[in-house]
Amino acid sequence: MQFFLDTANIDQIREAADWGMLNGVTTNPSLIAKEDGKFEDIIQ
């Protein structure tokens, strides 16, 4: 089984990655729009 996180929140991604079970991250424009910051900075 693989675990993917559906978010654009960098803190959530880092926390889930620390668990050691995260296989990847998915996102979409609406999730990115909910985050503070510039689009380019968020997707890097």
C-alpha atoms as a PDB file:
ATOM      1  CA  MET A   1       0.000   0.000   0.000  1.00  0.00           C
ATOM      2  CA  GLN A   2       1.226   3.489  -0.812  1.00  0.00           C
ATOM      3  CA  PHE A   3       0.332   6.711   0.990  1.00  0.00           C
ATOM      4  CA  PHE A   4      -0.072   9.997  -0.858  1.00  0.00           C
ATOM      5  CA  LEU A   5      -0.882  13.305   0.791  1.00  0.00           C
ATOM      6  CA  ASP A   6      -3.256  15.652  -1.063  1.00  0.00           C
ATOM      7  CA  THR A   7      -2.173  19.134   0.033  1.00  0.00           C
ATOM      8  CA  ALA A   8      -0.115  22.181  -0.870  1.00  0.00           C
ATOM      9  CA  ASN A   9       0.779  22.949   2.747  1.00  0.00           C
ATOM     10  CA  ILE A  10       4.544  22.632   3.180  1.00  0.00           C
ATOM     11  CA  ASP A  11       4.329  22.095   6.952  1.00  0.00           C
ATOM     12  CA  GLN A  12       1.866  19.220   6.502  1.00  0.00           C
ATOM     13  CA  ILE A  13       4.111  17.659   3.872  1.00  0.00           C
ATOM     14  CA  ARG A  14       7.186  17.886   6.102  1.00  0.00           C
ATOM     15  CA  GLU A  15       5.332  16.396   9.083  1.00  0.00           C
ATOM     16  CA  ALA A  16       3.989  13.479   7.040  1.00  0.00           C
ATOM     17  CA  ALA A  17       7.428  12.885   5.506  1.00  0.00           C
ATOM     18  CA  ASP A  18       8.905  12.655   9.012  1.00  0.00           C
ATOM     19  CA  TRP A  19       6.583   9.710   9.709  1.00  0.00           C
ATOM     20  CA  GLY A  20       8.529   7.746   7.086  1.00  0.00           C
ATOM     21  CA  MET A  21       5.427   6.355   5.371  1.00  0.00           C
ATOM     22  CA  LEU A  22       4.770   9.006   2.707  1.00  0.00           C
ATOM     23  CA  ASN A  23       5.197   7.926  -0.909  1.00  0.00           C
ATOM     24  CA  GLY A  24       4.289  11.204  -2.549  1.00  0.00           C
ATOM     25  CA  VAL A  25       2.216  14.347  -2.635  1.00  0.00           C
ATOM     26  CA  THR A  26      -0.594  15.370  -4.944  1.00  0.00           C
ATOM     27  CA  THR A  27      -2.123  18.817  -5.225  1.00  0.00           C
ATOM     28  CA  ASN A  28      -4.285  20.952  -7.456  1.00  0.00           C
ATOM     29  CA  PRO A  29      -4.764  24.665  -8.169  1.00  0.00           C
ATOM     30  CA  SER A  30      -7.553  25.084  -5.602  1.00  0.00           C
ATOM     31  CA  LEU A  31      -5.366  23.682  -2.790  1.00  0.00           C
ATOM     32  CA  ILE A  32      -2.483  25.926  -3.838  1.00  0.00           C
ATOM     33  CA  ALA A  33      -4.803  28.961  -3.852  1.00  0.00           C
ATOM     34  CA  LYS A  34      -5.730  28.286  -0.202  1.00  0.00           C
ATOM     35  CA  GLU A  35      -2.099  28.591   0.922  1.00  0.00           C
ATOM     36  CA  ASP A  36      -0.358  31.877   1.719  1.00  0.00           C
ATOM     37  CA  GLY A  37       2.497  32.784  -0.572  1.00  0.00           C
ATOM     38  CA  LYS A  38       3.422  33.036  -4.196  1.00  0.00           C
ATOM     39  CA  PHE A  39       2.516  30.168  -6.518  1.00  0.00           C
ATOM     40  CA  GLU A  40       6.131  29.649  -7.566  1.00  0.00           C
ATOM     41  CA  ASP A  41       7.340  29.409  -3.964  1.00  0.00           C
ATOM     42  CA  ILE A  42       4.636  26.925  -2.978  1.00  0.00           C
ATOM     43  CA  ILE A  43       5.250  24.462  -5.805  1.00  0.00           C
ATOM     44  CA  GLN A  44       9.040  24.334  -5.437  1.00  0.00           C
END
